C-alpha atoms as a PDB file:
ATOM      1  CA  MET A   1      30.336 -43.536 -43.048  1.00  0.00           C
ATOM      2  CA  GLY A   2      31.687 -40.761 -40.811  1.00  0.00           C
ATOM      3  CA  ALA A   3      32.474 -41.343 -37.143  1.00  0.00           C
ATOM      4  CA  LEU A   4      29.491 -39.373 -35.791  1.00  0.00           C
ATOM      5  CA  LEU A   5      27.051 -40.977 -38.222  1.00  0.00           C
ATOM      6  CA  LYS A   6      28.352 -44.404 -37.227  1.00  0.00           C
ATOM      7  CA  ASP A   7      27.950 -43.565 -33.530  1.00  0.00           C
ATOM      8  CA  ILE A   8      24.423 -42.215 -34.054  1.00  0.00           C
ATOM      9  CA  SER A   9      23.418 -45.223 -36.135  1.00  0.00           C
ATOM     10  CA  ASN A  10      24.766 -47.652 -33.521  1.00  0.00           C
ATOM     11  CA  PHE A  11      23.060 -45.734 -30.723  1.00  0.00           C
ATOM     12  CA  ILE A  12      19.682 -45.783 -32.463  1.00  0.00           C
ATOM     13  CA  ASN A  13      19.944 -49.441 -33.454  1.00  0.00           C
ATOM     14  CA  SER A  14      20.815 -50.471 -29.900  1.00  0.00           C
ATOM     15  CA  GLN A  15      17.459 -49.239 -28.591  1.00  0.00           C
ATOM     16  CA  ARG A  16      14.182 -51.133 -28.366  1.00  0.00           C
ATOM     17  CA  GLY A  17      11.739 -50.804 -31.259  1.00  0.00           C
ATOM     18  CA  ASP A  18       9.435 -48.064 -29.987  1.00  0.00           C
ATOM     19  CA  LEU A  19      12.343 -45.881 -28.886  1.00  0.00           C
ATOM     20  CA  ARG A  20      14.103 -46.433 -32.204  1.00  0.00           C
ATOM     21  CA  ILE A  21      11.015 -45.150 -33.991  1.00  0.00           C
ATOM     22  CA  ARG A  22      10.882 -42.141 -31.701  1.00  0.00           C
ATOM     23  CA  LEU A  23      14.568 -41.333 -32.246  1.00  0.00           C
ATOM     24  CA  LEU A  24      14.241 -41.569 -36.021  1.00  0.00           C
ATOM     25  CA  THR A  25      10.836 -40.042 -36.696  1.00  0.00           C
ATOM     26  CA  ASP A  26       9.857 -37.876 -33.741  1.00  0.00           C
ATOM     27  CA  MET A  27      12.778 -36.217 -31.945  1.00  0.00           C
ATOM     28  CA  ASP A  28      14.760 -33.390 -33.478  1.00  0.00           C
ATOM     29  CA  PRO A  29      18.330 -34.391 -34.443  1.00  0.00           C
ATOM     30  CA  ALA A  30      20.064 -32.208 -31.828  1.00  0.00           C
ATOM     31  CA  ARG A  31      18.116 -33.868 -29.019  1.00  0.00           C
ATOM     32  CA  VAL A  32      19.140 -37.281 -30.348  1.00  0.00           C
ATOM     33  CA  VAL A  33      22.818 -36.286 -30.433  1.00  0.00           C
ATOM     34  CA  SER A  34      22.599 -34.836 -26.915  1.00  0.00           C
ATOM     35  CA  LEU A  35      20.781 -37.941 -25.711  1.00  0.00           C
ATOM     36  CA  MET A  36      23.462 -40.217 -27.139  1.00  0.00           C
ATOM     37  CA  HIS A  37      26.139 -38.335 -25.204  1.00  0.00           C
ATOM     38  CA  PHE A  38      23.954 -38.427 -22.077  1.00  0.00           C
ATOM     39  CA  SER A  39      23.684 -42.209 -22.306  1.00  0.00           C
ATOM     40  CA  LEU A  40      27.426 -42.596 -22.916  1.00  0.00           C
ATOM     41  CA  PHE A  41      28.272 -40.449 -19.891  1.00  0.00           C
ATOM     42  CA  PHE A  42      26.384 -42.706 -17.513  1.00  0.00           C
ATOM     43  CA  LYS A  43      27.440 -45.878 -19.294  1.00  0.00           C
ATOM     44  CA  ASN A  44      31.061 -44.947 -18.633  1.00  0.00           C
ATOM     45  CA  SER A  45      30.614 -43.766 -15.032  1.00  0.00           C
ATOM     46  CA  ASP A  46      29.706 -45.306 -11.692  1.00  0.00           C
ATOM     47  CA  PHE A  47      27.564 -42.365 -10.624  1.00  0.00           C
ATOM     48  CA  LYS A  48      24.793 -43.527  -8.264  1.00  0.00           C
ATOM     49  CA  ILE A  49      21.308 -42.088  -8.835  1.00  0.00           C
ATOM     50  CA  GLN A  50      18.457 -42.575  -6.385  1.00  0.00           C
ATOM     51  CA  LYS A  51      16.513 -39.298  -6.609  1.00  0.00           C
ATOM     52  CA  ILE A  52      15.988 -37.279  -9.777  1.00  0.00           C
ATOM     53  CA  ALA A  53      14.414 -33.859 -10.264  1.00  0.00           C
ATOM     54  CA  VAL A  54      13.116 -32.850 -13.684  1.00  0.00           C
ATOM     55  CA  VAL A  55      12.914 -29.056 -13.820  1.00  0.00           C
ATOM     56  CA  SER A  56      10.436 -27.481 -16.244  1.00  0.00           C
ATOM     57  CA  GLY A  57       9.929 -30.788 -17.985  1.00  0.00           C
ATOM     58  CA  SER A  58       7.931 -33.975 -17.504  1.00  0.00           C
ATOM     59  CA  VAL A  59       8.217 -37.667 -16.755  1.00  0.00           C
ATOM     60  CA  ASN A  60       8.461 -38.175 -20.518  1.00  0.00           C
ATOM     61  CA  GLU A  61      11.933 -36.629 -20.807  1.00  0.00           C
ATOM     62  CA  PRO A  62      13.906 -39.162 -22.902  1.00  0.00           C
ATOM     63  CA  GLU A  63      16.971 -38.782 -20.654  1.00  0.00           C
ATOM     64  CA  LEU A  64      15.032 -40.649 -17.969  1.00  0.00           C
ATOM     65  CA  LEU A  65      15.100 -43.752 -20.162  1.00  0.00           C
ATOM     66  CA  PHE A  66      18.849 -43.961 -19.519  1.00  0.00           C
ATOM     67  CA  CYS A  67      18.610 -43.521 -15.760  1.00  0.00           C
ATOM     68  CA  PRO A  68      18.095 -46.311 -13.211  1.00  0.00           C
ATOM     69  CA  THR A  69      14.504 -47.542 -13.336  1.00  0.00           C
ATOM     70  CA  ASN A  70      14.342 -47.714  -9.538  1.00  0.00           C
ATOM     71  CA  ALA A  71      15.186 -44.020  -9.093  1.00  0.00           C
ATOM     72  CA  THR A  72      12.398 -41.765  -7.858  1.00  0.00           C
ATOM     73  CA  VAL A  73      11.493 -38.869 -10.150  1.00  0.00           C
ATOM     74  CA  THR A  74      10.108 -35.526  -8.985  1.00  0.00           C
ATOM     75  CA  VAL A  75       8.840 -33.020 -11.554  1.00  0.00           C
ATOM     76  CA  LEU A  76       9.186 -29.338 -10.675  1.00  0.00           C
ATOM     77  CA  SER A  77       7.274 -27.890 -13.584  1.00  0.00           C
ATOM     78  CA  TYR A  78       6.552 -24.277 -14.440  1.00  0.00           C
ATOM     79  CA  GLU A  79       3.569 -25.466 -16.448  1.00  0.00           C
ATOM     80  CA  ASN A  80       2.076 -27.166 -13.381  1.00  0.00           C
ATOM     81  CA  ASP A  81       2.784 -24.280 -10.993  1.00  0.00           C
ATOM     82  CA  PRO A  82       4.093 -21.139 -12.726  1.00  0.00           C
ATOM     83  CA  PHE A  83       4.161 -19.158  -9.485  1.00  0.00           C
ATOM     84  CA  LEU A  84       6.233 -21.622  -7.461  1.00  0.00           C
ATOM     85  CA  TYR A  85       8.472 -23.178 -10.110  1.00  0.00           C
ATOM     86  CA  ASP A  86       9.574 -20.045 -11.916  1.00  0.00           C
ATOM     87  CA  LEU A  87      13.302 -20.585 -12.430  1.00  0.00           C
ATOM     88  CA  THR A  88      13.987 -16.855 -12.369  1.00  0.00           C
ATOM     89  CA  LYS A  89      12.927 -16.717  -8.695  1.00  0.00           C
ATOM     90  CA  ASP A  90      15.282 -17.453  -5.795  1.00  0.00           C
ATOM     91  CA  TRP A  91      14.824 -21.111  -4.906  1.00  0.00           C
ATOM     92  CA  SER A  92      16.980 -20.817  -1.804  1.00  0.00           C
ATOM     93  CA  ALA A  93      13.883 -19.323  -0.114  1.00  0.00           C
ATOM     94  CA  SER A  94      12.035 -21.236   2.590  1.00  0.00           C
ATOM     95  CA  GLU A  95       9.113 -22.325   0.383  1.00  0.00           C
ATOM     96  CA  TYR A  96      11.528 -24.573  -1.516  1.00  0.00           C
ATOM     97  CA  LYS A  97      13.140 -26.045   1.589  1.00  0.00           C
ATOM     98  CA  GLN A  98      11.883 -29.585   0.950  1.00  0.00           C
ATOM     99  CA  HIS A  99      13.852 -29.605  -2.315  1.00  0.00           C
ATOM    100  CA  HIS A 100      17.116 -28.203  -0.969  1.00  0.00           C
ATOM    101  CA  ALA A 101      20.051 -30.626  -1.360  1.00  0.00           C
ATOM    102  CA  ALA A 102      17.537 -33.386  -2.119  1.00  0.00           C
ATOM    103  CA  TYR A 103      18.532 -34.820  -5.498  1.00  0.00           C
ATOM    104  CA  ASP A 104      21.346 -36.869  -6.982  1.00  0.00           C
ATOM    105  CA  LEU A 105      20.521 -35.767 -10.528  1.00  0.00           C
ATOM    106  CA  VAL A 106      18.752 -32.641 -11.781  1.00  0.00           C
ATOM    107  CA  LEU A 107      17.659 -32.478 -15.421  1.00  0.00           C
ATOM    108  CA  CYS A 108      16.846 -29.231 -17.203  1.00  0.00           C
ATOM    109  CA  GLU A 109      16.412 -29.832 -20.924  1.00  0.00           C
ATOM    110  CA  GLN A 110      15.821 -27.168 -23.584  1.00  0.00           C
ATOM    111  CA  VAL A 111      14.590 -24.607 -21.068  1.00  0.00           C
ATOM    112  CA  LEU A 112      17.143 -21.810 -20.623  1.00  0.00           C
ATOM    113  CA  GLU A 113      16.315 -20.006 -23.869  1.00  0.00           C
ATOM    114  CA  HIS A 114      12.855 -19.392 -22.430  1.00  0.00           C
ATOM    115  CA  LEU A 115      14.162 -17.691 -19.268  1.00  0.00           C
ATOM    116  CA  LEU A 116      15.047 -14.032 -18.891  1.00  0.00           C
ATOM    117  CA  ASP A 117      17.678 -14.883 -16.256  1.00  0.00           C
ATOM    118  CA  PRO A 118      19.339 -18.232 -17.065  1.00  0.00           C
ATOM    119  CA  ALA A 119      22.196 -17.479 -14.661  1.00  0.00           C
ATOM    120  CA  ARG A 120      19.703 -17.456 -11.769  1.00  0.00           C
ATOM    121  CA  ALA A 121      18.343 -20.767 -13.064  1.00  0.00           C
ATOM    122  CA  PHE A 122      21.751 -22.405 -12.627  1.00  0.00           C
ATOM    123  CA  HIS A 123      21.911 -21.213  -9.015  1.00  0.00           C
ATOM    124  CA  ASN A 124      18.492 -22.771  -8.467  1.00  0.00           C
ATOM    125  CA  LEU A 125      19.547 -26.070 -10.024  1.00  0.00           C
ATOM    126  CA  ALA A 126      22.595 -26.104  -7.756  1.00  0.00           C
ATOM    127  CA  THR A 127      20.334 -25.542  -4.727  1.00  0.00           C
ATOM    128  CA  LEU A 128      18.468 -28.754  -5.527  1.00  0.00           C
ATOM    129  CA  LEU A 129      21.576 -30.923  -5.635  1.00  0.00           C
ATOM    130  CA  LYS A 130      22.930 -33.076  -2.860  1.00  0.00           C
ATOM    131  CA  PRO A 131      26.674 -32.678  -2.240  1.00  0.00           C
ATOM    132  CA  GLY A 132      28.254 -34.610  -5.087  1.00  0.00           C
ATOM    133  CA  GLY A 133      25.002 -34.407  -7.072  1.00  0.00           C
ATOM    134  CA  LEU A 134      24.969 -33.845 -10.816  1.00  0.00           C
ATOM    135  CA  THR A 135      22.981 -31.600 -13.115  1.00  0.00           C
ATOM    136  CA  HIS A 136      22.559 -32.050 -16.850  1.00  0.00           C
ATOM    137  CA  VAL A 137      21.449 -29.064 -18.900  1.00  0.00           C
ATOM    138  CA  SER A 138      20.937 -29.048 -22.653  1.00  0.00           C
ATOM    139  CA  VAL A 139      20.184 -25.961 -24.714  1.00  0.00           C
ATOM    140  CA  PRO A 140      20.118 -24.833 -28.330  1.00  0.00           C
ATOM    141  CA  ALA A 141      23.263 -23.194 -29.630  1.00  0.00           C
ATOM    142  CA  ILE A 142      21.235 -21.633 -32.433  1.00  0.00           C
ATOM    143  CA  ASN A 143      17.504 -21.289 -32.855  1.00  0.00           C
ATOM    144  CA  ASN A 144      14.745 -18.902 -33.808  1.00  0.00           C
ATOM    145  CA  THR A 145      11.676 -17.536 -32.107  1.00  0.00           C
ATOM    146  CA  HIS A 146       9.420 -20.198 -30.605  1.00  0.00           C
ATOM    147  CA  GLY A 147       7.437 -20.707 -27.418  1.00  0.00           C
ATOM    148  CA  GLU A 148       6.328 -17.068 -27.282  1.00  0.00           C
ATOM    149  CA  PRO A 149       5.976 -15.034 -25.176  1.00  0.00           C
ATOM    150  CA  HIS A 150       8.683 -16.794 -23.157  1.00  0.00           C
ATOM    151  CA  TYR A 151      11.549 -16.729 -25.625  1.00  0.00           C
ATOM    152  CA  PHE A 152      14.624 -14.632 -24.865  1.00  0.00           C
ATOM    153  CA  TYR A 153      17.778 -16.248 -26.304  1.00  0.00           C
ATOM    154  CA  ALA A 154      18.669 -17.744 -29.678  1.00  0.00           C
ATOM    155  CA  GLY A 155      21.188 -20.098 -28.078  1.00  0.00           C
ATOM    156  CA  PHE A 156      24.164 -20.599 -25.798  1.00  0.00           C
ATOM    157  CA  PRO A 157      27.783 -21.560 -26.588  1.00  0.00           C
ATOM    158  CA  LYS A 158      29.837 -23.818 -24.336  1.00  0.00           C
ATOM    159  CA  ALA A 159      31.622 -20.920 -22.642  1.00  0.00           C
ATOM    160  CA  THR A 160      28.322 -19.470 -21.444  1.00  0.00           C
ATOM    161  CA  LEU A 161      27.119 -22.705 -19.834  1.00  0.00           C
ATOM    162  CA  GLU A 162      30.516 -23.206 -18.217  1.00  0.00           C
ATOM    163  CA  ALA A 163      30.380 -19.673 -16.782  1.00  0.00           C
ATOM    164  CA  PHE A 164      26.822 -20.160 -15.512  1.00  0.00           C
ATOM    165  CA  ALA A 165      27.803 -23.425 -13.796  1.00  0.00           C
ATOM    166  CA  GLY A 166      31.005 -22.024 -12.309  1.00  0.00           C
ATOM    167  CA  ASN A 167      29.250 -18.937 -10.956  1.00  0.00           C
ATOM    168  CA  ALA A 168      26.676 -21.223  -9.334  1.00  0.00           C
ATOM    169  CA  GLY A 169      29.449 -23.051  -7.490  1.00  0.00           C
ATOM    170  CA  LEU A 170      29.350 -26.161  -9.662  1.00  0.00           C
ATOM    171  CA  ASP A 171      32.302 -28.092 -11.055  1.00  0.00           C
ATOM    172  CA  VAL A 172      32.077 -28.680 -14.809  1.00  0.00           C
ATOM    173  CA  LEU A 173      32.659 -32.342 -15.665  1.00  0.00           C
ATOM    174  CA  LEU A 174      31.818 -32.148 -19.352  1.00  0.00           C
ATOM    175  CA  CYS A 175      30.559 -29.456 -21.708  1.00  0.00           C
ATOM    176  CA  ASP A 176      30.243 -30.015 -25.426  1.00  0.00           C
ATOM    177  CA  SER A 177      28.364 -29.043 -28.589  1.00  0.00           C
ATOM    178  CA  TRP A 178      27.241 -30.647 -31.808  1.00  0.00           C
ATOM    179  CA  ASN A 179      28.512 -28.738 -34.831  1.00  0.00           C
ATOM    180  CA  SER A 180      26.677 -29.136 -38.129  1.00  0.00           C
ATOM    181  CA  ASP A 181      26.374 -26.597 -40.925  1.00  0.00           C
ATOM    182  CA  LYS A 182      23.148 -28.151 -42.188  1.00  0.00           C
ATOM    183  CA  ALA A 183      21.564 -28.392 -38.744  1.00  0.00           C
ATOM    184  CA  ALA A 184      22.570 -24.802 -38.001  1.00  0.00           C
ATOM    185  CA  ARG A 185      20.730 -23.684 -41.145  1.00  0.00           C
ATOM    186  CA  MET A 186      17.709 -25.771 -40.191  1.00  0.00           C
ATOM    187  CA  TYR A 187      17.509 -24.640 -36.587  1.00  0.00           C
ATOM    188  CA  SER A 188      17.957 -20.972 -37.474  1.00  0.00           C
ATOM    189  CA  THR A 189      14.506 -21.215 -39.097  1.00  0.00           C
ATOM    190  CA  CYS A 190      12.999 -23.555 -36.444  1.00  0.00           C
ATOM    191  CA  ASP A 191      13.198 -26.482 -38.852  1.00  0.00           C
ATOM    192  CA  TRP A 192      13.494 -29.442 -36.488  1.00  0.00           C
ATOM    193  CA  ALA A 193      12.911 -32.199 -39.039  1.00  0.00           C
ATOM    194  CA  PRO A 194      13.697 -35.597 -37.479  1.00  0.00           C
ATOM    195  CA  ILE A 195      16.620 -37.708 -38.594  1.00  0.00           C
ATOM    196  CA  ALA A 196      14.530 -39.947 -40.873  1.00  0.00           C
ATOM    197  CA  VAL A 197      13.683 -36.791 -42.836  1.00  0.00           C
ATOM    198  CA  SER A 198      16.811 -34.645 -42.522  1.00  0.00           C
ATOM    199  CA  GLY A 199      19.478 -37.299 -42.053  1.00  0.00           C
ATOM    200  CA  PRO A 200      21.328 -39.633 -44.441  1.00  0.00           C
ATOM    201  CA  LEU A 201      19.472 -42.110 -46.623  1.00  0.00           C
ATOM    202  CA  ILE A 202      20.536 -45.113 -44.525  1.00  0.00           C
ATOM    203  CA  LEU A 203      18.645 -43.752 -41.506  1.00  0.00           C
ATOM    204  CA  SER A 204      15.663 -42.704 -43.632  1.00  0.00           C
ATOM    205  CA  LEU A 205      15.396 -46.293 -44.867  1.00  0.00           C
ATOM    206  CA  GLN A 206      15.502 -47.555 -41.287  1.00  0.00           C
ATOM    207  CA  GLY A 207      12.657 -45.223 -40.370  1.00  0.00           C
ATOM    208  CA  LEU A 208      10.617 -46.355 -43.373  1.00  0.00           C
ATOM    209  CA  LYS A 209      11.171 -50.013 -42.505  1.00  0.00           C
ATOM    210  CA  LEU A 210      10.185 -49.559 -38.877  1.00  0.00           C
ATOM    211  CA  CYS A 211       7.047 -47.594 -39.807  1.00  0.00           C
ATOM    212  CA  SER A 212       6.104 -49.580 -42.922  1.00  0.00           C
ATOM    213  CA  ARG A 213       2.622 -50.351 -41.581  1.00  0.00           C
ATOM    214  CA  ASN A 214       1.858 -46.707 -40.834  1.00  0.00           C
ATOM    215  CA  ILE A 215       1.047 -45.167 -44.218  1.00  0.00           C
ATOM    216  CA  ARG A 216       0.769 -41.651 -42.806  1.00  0.00           C
ATOM    217  CA  THR A 217       4.241 -41.824 -41.244  1.00  0.00           C
ATOM    218  CA  VAL A 218       5.743 -43.338 -44.409  1.00  0.00           C
ATOM    219  CA  PHE A 219       4.236 -40.560 -46.509  1.00  0.00           C
ATOM    220  CA  GLY A 220       5.496 -37.965 -44.017  1.00  0.00           C
ATOM    221  CA  ILE A 221       9.052 -39.307 -44.216  1.00  0.00           C
ATOM    222  CA  LEU A 222       9.049 -39.461 -48.027  1.00  0.00           C
ATOM    223  CA  SER A 223       7.501 -36.032 -48.590  1.00  0.00           C
ATOM    224  CA  GLY A 224       9.605 -34.488 -45.834  1.00  0.00           C
ATOM    225  CA  LYS A 225      12.758 -36.040 -47.274  1.00  0.00           C
ATOM    226  CA  LEU A 226      12.060 -34.501 -50.678  1.00  0.00           C
ATOM    227  CA  SER A 227      11.330 -31.081 -49.211  1.00  0.00           C
ATOM    228  CA  ASN A 228      14.440 -31.253 -47.022  1.00  0.00           C
ATOM    229  CA  PHE A 229      16.651 -32.131 -49.976  1.00  0.00           C
ATOM    230  CA  VAL A 230      15.253 -29.272 -52.052  1.00  0.00           C
ATOM    231  CA  THR A 231      15.890 -26.828 -49.200  1.00  0.00           C
ATOM    232  CA  TYR A 232      19.362 -28.121 -48.255  1.00  0.00           C
ATOM    233  CA  PRO A 233      20.684 -29.862 -51.394  1.00  0.00           C
ATOM    234  CA  PHE A 234      23.637 -32.212 -50.919  1.00  0.00           C
ATOM    235  CA  GLN A 235      24.255 -31.103 -47.323  1.00  0.00           C
ATOM    236  CA  GLY A 236      25.011 -33.878 -44.855  1.00  0.00           C
ATOM    237  CA  LEU A 237      23.404 -33.611 -41.439  1.00  0.00           C
ATOM    238  CA  PHE A 238      26.320 -35.342 -39.712  1.00  0.00           C
ATOM    239  CA  THR A 239      29.091 -33.935 -41.896  1.00  0.00           C
ATOM    240  CA  PRO A 240      31.597 -32.128 -39.633  1.00  0.00           C
ATOM    241  CA  SER A 241      31.029 -28.382 -39.700  1.00  0.00           C
ATOM    242  CA  LYS A 242      33.614 -26.425 -41.670  1.00  0.00           C
ATOM    243  CA  ASN A 243      32.640 -23.220 -39.897  1.00  0.00           C
ATOM    244  CA  GLY A 244      32.195 -24.422 -36.324  1.00  0.00           C
ATOM    245  CA  ASN A 245      28.425 -23.871 -36.472  1.00  0.00           C
ATOM    246  CA  ALA A 246      27.123 -25.326 -33.211  1.00  0.00           C
ATOM    247  CA  THR A 247      23.500 -26.478 -33.058  1.00  0.00           C
ATOM    248  CA  CYS A 248      23.089 -27.638 -29.475  1.00  0.00           C
ATOM    249  CA  THR A 249      25.136 -27.516 -26.271  1.00  0.00           C
ATOM    250  CA  TRP A 250      25.027 -29.651 -23.141  1.00  0.00           C
ATOM    251  CA  ILE A 251      26.777 -29.672 -19.805  1.00  0.00           C
ATOM    252  CA  PHE A 252      27.300 -32.029 -16.866  1.00  0.00           C
ATOM    253  CA  ALA A 253      28.183 -30.140 -13.692  1.00  0.00           C
ATOM    254  CA  ARG A 254      28.606 -31.445 -10.145  1.00  0.00           C
ATOM    255  CA  LYS A 255      28.069 -29.912  -6.737  1.00  0.00           C
ATOM    256  CA  SER A 256      31.161 -30.200  -4.560  1.00  0.00           C
ATOM    257  CA  THR A 257      31.050 -32.660  -1.662  1.00  0.00           C
END
């Protein structure tokens, strides 16, 4: 068992039952990898979080499951108010004053590819942060057209996120990617098959065991597993990429005190 597969397996198995099922059978693999690193970052830090802003997301963002349960969460969602919470606008304007320097943590997950001006979005995220506050942004590193008509970028490498954060006056604490040749092939066609389908047999068996009473889910895993193998024969999802093919990228950046 490779190091990443072992880490992913341990991460999934350490969660409660319903979240384990979600990680194995619902979320796309890149989100699971990003989420594991998100949880490790806060597990190994003493960062204090009291107020969280979720930008263009919802209260169901899985990252919130690894934040303090007593933290208050504010959702600034384009879907709820596309005029006000358009990330390509200038959020330093007076109508956003109540949100200026208001949050310890700002989450923006899988959003930037849907924005015409992601650099402006980073400036807006920085505006929301308290001095010393932290933002976490995750994005695809490779993808294909989805979420039309708001789809503008196929993905972002680490250097791009680091430049966006630096130009917004943020200090980069960590920026990384998950490299996988198989996942890169999958995501380039918008194939986001969950780990129980696209991952190694040991995790497929875990998914089948957890969902054994749900015949529809069991059938979906088995049929999906067969289709995935036919499409990507003998390719390991968590085998280190020989070509440096990144699938997703994430960054932690902090506003100076």
